[in-house]
Amino acid sequence: MKKIKNDPRPLPARLWIFQRERAPIIPVVLMGLSTAGIVYLFSEQSWWYFLGAATILALYLLQIRTADEHKDFEHDNKYHPNRPVQRGIVSLQELAVINKMAIIGQLLIYASFLQPQIFLIGILSQGYAFLTRKEFFVRDWIRQHFYIYYISHYMQLVILFFATTVIIQPVGVNPWVFVLTIMLAVITTEIGRKMLSEEADTIDDTYSAQLGHTGSAFALSLFSLGTLIMVYYFLSNFNGKMLLIVLPVSVLLMIIVSAYKYSKLANENNSDKVEKSSALLYLVSMVAIIFGLI
């Protein structure tokens, strides 16, 4: 195992660097609020159900990030030596404490609703998270099967987003419509995040490596279109302000143009544009639905 020199700065300063590079707190909080927000539009529950669900979402994202730092430690030592853990900014032990605090925090919130079905879905969510952290006890095999690996890991988000609907209890919309909408936006973001430049794409755990530059650009455009269709579904079926569809349409056009340029020249600049525009689509889509329906 690689010997890492620890950073002497105080823990808060080091954690600030970690969140800035690996789990930016503002996007994490916005994702939690916006995701819970579209479900809460159709709920008659008190504000605590919305706030509790949003907090669980944010804590779960933090849980995934800190767990992955440990799970991918040797991989990152080899391929990403400039990440915070590899530079000694934070240790795996410190992140493990944060990971446990995030898990405990979620379970306490699930329990606070005093409803057995909500607490049980929380237990299911954490049980599946444990399996993903252990890579289903077939680490070497599952890492050799890219699509099985990612589909199995996306399932934890399916459970998480379904748990959001169990907590908030929307009326008039099938809970799985929300899950589909959010998952399309998440997968769009993930594809964009894993479309690397030709220089950086030296390993096979990215969409660009698996699908090629053209194939990954097409997949990104397809999932982006799916996200837009779900925004249209909400605005058109629930008397929404259709003018707001302009926001995700504009970002979709940005993605298509960026993806096309990336397919022709997979350099760092085009890769960065693809990543940022795909992440922007998530936030803009949620905002369009929320402000289009209130």
Protein backbone atom coordinates (compact mmCIF):
# COMPACT_ATOMS: atom_id res chain seq x y z
CA MET A 1 0.00 0.00 0.00
CA LYS A 2 1.25 3.44 -0.92
CA LYS A 3 2.77 5.48 1.95
CA ILE A 4 1.00 8.84 2.19
CA LYS A 5 2.35 11.87 4.01
CA ASN A 6 -0.40 13.42 6.13
CA ASP A 7 -1.31 17.08 5.73
CA PRO A 8 -0.60 19.04 8.97
CA ARG A 9 -3.44 21.56 8.56
CA PRO A 10 -6.48 21.46 10.90
CA LEU A 11 -9.22 18.98 10.03
CA PRO A 12 -11.86 21.60 9.03
CA ALA A 13 -9.43 23.14 6.52
CA ARG A 14 -8.62 19.73 5.08
CA LEU A 15 -12.26 18.68 4.85
CA TRP A 16 -13.02 21.92 3.06
CA ILE A 17 -10.46 21.01 0.40
CA PHE A 18 -11.92 17.50 0.13
CA GLN A 19 -15.47 18.73 -0.37
CA ARG A 20 -14.36 21.32 -2.89
CA GLU A 21 -12.61 18.72 -5.03
CA ARG A 22 -14.66 15.57 -4.48
CA ALA A 23 -18.09 16.45 -3.08
CA PRO A 24 -18.92 20.15 -3.52
CA ILE A 25 -21.37 20.96 -0.74
CA ILE A 26 -23.51 23.47 -2.64
CA PRO A 27 -24.34 21.14 -5.59
CA VAL A 28 -24.98 18.29 -3.12
CA VAL A 29 -27.41 20.40 -1.09
CA LEU A 30 -29.10 21.75 -4.23
CA MET A 31 -29.52 18.23 -5.58
CA GLY A 32 -31.15 17.12 -2.34
CA LEU A 33 -33.50 20.10 -2.19
CA SER A 34 -34.48 20.04 -5.87
CA THR A 35 -34.99 16.27 -5.99
CA ALA A 36 -37.18 16.25 -2.89
CA GLY A 37 -38.81 19.43 -4.16
CA ILE A 38 -40.38 17.96 -7.30
CA VAL A 39 -41.92 15.16 -5.21
CA TYR A 40 -43.14 17.55 -2.50
CA LEU A 41 -45.08 19.55 -5.09
CA PHE A 42 -47.59 16.70 -5.11
CA SER A 43 -47.63 16.04 -1.36
CA GLU A 44 -49.91 17.08 1.46
CA GLN A 45 -47.35 16.29 4.17
CA SER A 46 -45.77 18.88 6.47
CA TRP A 47 -42.54 20.67 5.60
CA TRP A 48 -40.54 18.25 7.80
CA TYR A 49 -41.15 15.43 5.32
CA PHE A 50 -39.64 17.53 2.56
CA LEU A 51 -36.69 18.71 4.66
CA GLY A 52 -36.05 15.24 6.06
CA ALA A 53 -36.08 13.65 2.60
CA ALA A 54 -33.78 16.36 1.20
CA THR A 55 -31.34 15.86 4.07
CA ILE A 56 -31.32 12.09 3.57
CA LEU A 57 -30.56 12.60 -0.12
CA ALA A 58 -27.64 14.92 0.64
CA LEU A 59 -26.27 12.64 3.37
CA TYR A 60 -26.52 9.61 1.09
CA LEU A 61 -24.49 11.37 -1.60
CA LEU A 62 -21.87 12.13 1.05
CA GLN A 63 -22.01 8.52 2.17
CA ILE A 64 -21.38 7.27 -1.37
CA ARG A 65 -18.49 9.66 -1.88
CA THR A 66 -16.70 8.74 1.34
CA ALA A 67 -17.30 5.03 0.82
CA ASP A 68 -15.96 5.17 -2.72
CA GLU A 69 -12.75 6.81 -1.54
CA HIS A 70 -12.00 3.68 0.48
CA LYS A 71 -13.29 1.24 -2.14
CA ASP A 72 -11.27 2.83 -4.96
CA PHE A 73 -8.15 3.62 -2.91
CA GLU A 74 -5.69 1.37 -4.74
CA HIS A 75 -7.22 2.22 -8.11
CA ASP A 76 -6.91 5.96 -7.40
CA ASN A 77 -3.34 5.54 -6.17
CA LYS A 78 -2.47 4.24 -9.62
CA TYR A 79 -4.66 6.34 -11.90
CA HIS A 80 -5.58 9.47 -9.87
CA PRO A 81 -2.58 10.28 -7.64
CA ASN A 82 -3.61 13.95 -7.29
CA ARG A 83 -6.89 13.33 -5.47
CA PRO A 84 -7.17 14.55 -1.85
CA VAL A 85 -6.75 11.16 -0.16
CA GLN A 86 -3.77 10.34 -2.33
CA ARG A 87 -2.19 13.70 -1.48
CA GLY A 88 -2.71 13.15 2.25
CA ILE A 89 -5.27 15.95 2.62
CA VAL A 90 -7.64 13.60 4.46
CA SER A 91 -7.19 10.01 5.60
CA LEU A 92 -9.42 7.04 4.95
CA GLN A 93 -9.97 6.79 8.72
CA GLU A 94 -11.28 10.36 8.87
CA LEU A 95 -13.59 9.74 5.93
CA ALA A 96 -14.80 6.50 7.55
CA VAL A 97 -15.96 8.51 10.58
CA ILE A 98 -17.87 10.91 8.30
CA ASN A 99 -19.34 7.94 6.45
CA LYS A 100 -20.68 6.41 9.68
CA MET A 101 -22.06 9.77 10.82
CA ALA A 102 -23.89 10.14 7.50
CA ILE A 103 -25.41 6.66 7.86
CA ILE A 104 -26.49 7.26 11.47
CA GLY A 105 -27.93 10.64 10.53
CA GLN A 106 -30.07 9.09 7.80
CA LEU A 107 -31.37 6.30 10.02
CA LEU A 108 -32.29 8.81 12.73
CA ILE A 109 -34.24 10.88 10.21
CA TYR A 110 -36.00 7.78 8.86
CA ALA A 111 -36.93 6.86 12.45
CA SER A 112 -38.14 10.40 13.24
CA PHE A 113 -41.19 9.99 11.00
CA LEU A 114 -42.47 7.27 13.35
CA GLN A 115 -43.81 5.21 10.44
CA PRO A 116 -42.63 1.58 10.11
CA GLN A 117 -42.75 1.57 6.29
CA ILE A 118 -40.49 4.61 6.11
CA PHE A 119 -37.96 3.15 8.52
CA LEU A 120 -37.98 -0.19 6.68
CA ILE A 121 -37.24 1.48 3.34
CA GLY A 122 -34.36 3.23 5.09
CA ILE A 123 -33.02 -0.13 6.29
CA LEU A 124 -33.36 -1.49 2.74
CA SER A 125 -31.49 1.52 1.37
CA GLN A 126 -28.63 1.08 3.81
CA GLY A 127 -28.56 -2.68 3.32
CA TYR A 128 -28.11 -2.27 -0.41
CA ALA A 129 -25.53 0.47 0.16
CA PHE A 130 -23.56 -2.02 2.25
CA LEU A 131 -23.62 -4.52 -0.62
CA THR A 132 -22.39 -1.93 -3.11
CA ARG A 133 -19.63 -0.89 -0.70
CA LYS A 134 -18.53 -4.55 -0.56
CA GLU A 135 -19.04 -4.80 -4.33
CA PHE A 136 -21.44 -7.69 -3.69
CA PHE A 137 -18.49 -9.73 -2.38
CA VAL A 138 -17.34 -10.40 -5.97
CA ARG A 139 -15.00 -7.41 -6.34
CA ASP A 140 -12.68 -8.78 -9.01
CA TRP A 141 -15.47 -10.29 -11.12
CA ILE A 142 -17.84 -7.32 -11.04
CA ARG A 143 -15.08 -4.85 -11.89
CA GLN A 144 -14.45 -6.81 -15.06
CA HIS A 145 -18.07 -6.33 -16.16
CA PHE A 146 -18.59 -2.61 -16.66
CA TYR A 147 -22.33 -2.53 -17.31
CA ILE A 148 -23.22 -5.00 -14.56
CA TYR A 149 -21.10 -2.94 -12.18
CA TYR A 150 -22.81 0.35 -12.98
CA ILE A 151 -26.35 -1.00 -13.23
CA SER A 152 -25.95 -2.70 -9.85
CA HIS A 153 -24.65 0.54 -8.36
CA TYR A 154 -27.38 2.66 -9.97
CA MET A 155 -29.90 0.45 -8.19
CA GLN A 156 -28.94 2.05 -4.89
CA LEU A 157 -30.13 5.37 -6.29
CA VAL A 158 -33.36 3.80 -7.52
CA ILE A 159 -34.00 2.63 -3.95
CA LEU A 160 -32.98 6.01 -2.55
CA PHE A 161 -35.30 7.97 -4.84
CA PHE A 162 -38.15 5.55 -4.21
CA ALA A 163 -37.52 6.06 -0.49
CA THR A 164 -37.95 9.80 -1.12
CA THR A 165 -41.44 9.14 -2.49
CA VAL A 166 -42.27 6.85 0.46
CA ILE A 167 -41.32 9.66 2.85
CA ILE A 168 -43.02 12.53 1.05
CA GLN A 169 -46.04 10.49 -0.14
CA PRO A 170 -47.00 12.30 -3.37
CA VAL A 171 -50.62 12.25 -4.50
CA GLY A 172 -51.84 11.94 -8.08
CA VAL A 173 -48.57 10.77 -9.63
CA ASN A 174 -47.15 7.27 -9.65
CA PRO A 175 -44.00 7.25 -7.49
CA TRP A 176 -42.06 5.52 -10.25
CA VAL A 177 -42.60 8.50 -12.54
CA PHE A 178 -40.49 10.54 -10.13
CA VAL A 179 -37.89 7.78 -9.92
CA LEU A 180 -37.67 7.57 -13.73
CA THR A 181 -37.34 11.34 -14.08
CA ILE A 182 -34.59 11.62 -11.51
CA MET A 183 -32.68 8.55 -12.74
CA LEU A 184 -32.63 9.84 -16.32
CA ALA A 185 -31.14 13.10 -15.08
CA VAL A 186 -28.63 11.29 -12.84
CA ILE A 187 -27.46 8.94 -15.60
CA THR A 188 -27.09 11.93 -17.94
CA THR A 189 -24.83 13.57 -15.36
CA GLU A 190 -22.84 10.38 -14.83
CA ILE A 191 -22.27 9.78 -18.54
CA GLY A 192 -21.07 13.36 -18.96
CA ARG A 193 -18.78 12.98 -15.95
CA LYS A 194 -17.18 9.88 -17.43
CA MET A 195 -16.54 11.17 -20.94
CA LEU A 196 -12.84 11.92 -20.57
CA SER A 197 -10.35 13.49 -22.90
CA GLU A 198 -8.33 11.15 -25.08
CA GLU A 199 -5.23 11.93 -23.01
CA ALA A 200 -6.95 11.12 -19.70
CA ASP A 201 -8.95 8.12 -20.92
CA THR A 202 -6.29 5.55 -20.11
CA ILE A 203 -8.49 3.08 -18.20
CA ASP A 204 -11.65 1.20 -19.13
CA ASP A 205 -14.03 2.32 -16.35
CA THR A 206 -15.46 5.27 -18.31
CA TYR A 207 -18.29 5.53 -20.81
CA SER A 208 -15.94 7.00 -23.37
CA ALA A 209 -13.66 3.97 -23.07
CA GLN A 210 -16.55 1.51 -23.30
CA LEU A 211 -18.63 3.20 -25.99
CA GLY A 212 -16.02 5.26 -27.79
CA HIS A 213 -16.18 9.01 -28.21
CA THR A 214 -19.04 8.92 -30.73
CA GLY A 215 -21.01 6.25 -28.86
CA SER A 216 -20.77 8.01 -25.52
CA ALA A 217 -21.78 11.32 -27.16
CA PHE A 218 -24.86 9.61 -28.59
CA ALA A 219 -25.74 7.99 -25.25
CA LEU A 220 -25.41 11.34 -23.49
CA SER A 221 -27.68 13.04 -26.01
CA LEU A 222 -30.23 10.22 -25.72
CA PHE A 223 -30.48 10.34 -21.92
CA SER A 224 -30.54 14.14 -22.02
CA LEU A 225 -33.50 13.96 -24.40
CA GLY A 226 -35.20 11.51 -22.05
CA THR A 227 -34.76 13.98 -19.19
CA LEU A 228 -36.30 16.75 -21.29
CA ILE A 229 -39.28 14.54 -22.17
CA MET A 230 -39.99 14.00 -18.47
CA VAL A 231 -39.85 17.75 -17.83
CA TYR A 232 -42.35 18.20 -20.66
CA TYR A 233 -44.53 15.47 -19.14
CA PHE A 234 -44.83 17.31 -15.83
CA LEU A 235 -45.38 20.76 -17.33
CA SER A 236 -47.92 19.61 -19.91
CA ASN A 237 -49.94 17.24 -17.72
CA PHE A 238 -50.21 19.40 -14.61
CA ASN A 239 -50.97 22.84 -16.08
CA GLY A 240 -47.39 24.01 -15.76
CA LYS A 241 -45.80 27.14 -17.16
CA MET A 242 -44.70 25.73 -20.52
CA LEU A 243 -42.45 28.71 -21.17
CA LEU A 244 -39.99 27.24 -18.64
CA ILE A 245 -39.35 24.31 -20.98
CA VAL A 246 -37.00 26.75 -22.72
CA LEU A 247 -34.49 26.27 -19.88
CA PRO A 248 -33.85 22.51 -20.28
CA VAL A 249 -34.20 22.79 -24.07
CA SER A 250 -31.39 25.35 -24.09
CA VAL A 251 -29.17 23.12 -21.97
CA LEU A 252 -30.03 20.11 -24.15
CA LEU A 253 -28.84 22.04 -27.19
CA MET A 254 -25.64 22.89 -25.31
CA ILE A 255 -25.14 19.20 -24.55
CA ILE A 256 -25.75 18.12 -28.15
CA VAL A 257 -23.30 20.68 -29.51
CA SER A 258 -20.69 19.84 -26.83
CA ALA A 259 -21.16 16.10 -27.38
CA TYR A 260 -20.77 16.49 -31.14
CA LYS A 261 -17.56 18.49 -30.71
CA TYR A 262 -16.32 15.88 -28.24
CA SER A 263 -17.03 13.07 -30.71
CA LYS A 264 -14.87 14.86 -33.25
CA LEU A 265 -12.12 15.98 -30.88
CA ALA A 266 -11.99 14.44 -27.42
CA ASN A 267 -9.72 17.00 -25.82
CA GLU A 268 -9.83 18.34 -22.27
CA ASN A 269 -11.79 21.46 -23.23
CA ASN A 270 -14.60 19.54 -24.93
CA SER A 271 -14.65 16.95 -22.14
CA ASP A 272 -15.04 19.70 -19.56
CA LYS A 273 -17.92 21.30 -21.48
CA VAL A 274 -19.72 17.97 -21.72
CA GLU A 275 -19.36 17.35 -17.99
CA LYS A 276 -20.55 20.81 -16.95
CA SER A 277 -23.50 20.97 -19.34
CA SER A 278 -24.76 17.50 -18.35
CA ALA A 279 -24.60 18.43 -14.65
CA LEU A 280 -26.39 21.69 -15.41
CA LEU A 281 -29.23 19.80 -17.05
CA TYR A 282 -30.05 18.05 -13.77
CA LEU A 283 -30.46 21.29 -11.84
CA VAL A 284 -32.23 23.16 -14.63
CA SER A 285 -34.70 20.30 -15.17
CA MET A 286 -35.63 20.15 -11.49
CA VAL A 287 -35.94 23.95 -11.33
CA ALA A 288 -38.14 24.01 -14.45
CA ILE A 289 -40.51 21.45 -12.93
CA ILE A 290 -40.64 23.10 -9.51
CA PHE A 291 -41.13 26.69 -10.67
CA GLY A 292 -43.32 25.54 -13.54
CA LEU A 293 -45.81 23.94 -11.18
CA ILE A 294 -45.88 26.24 -8.15
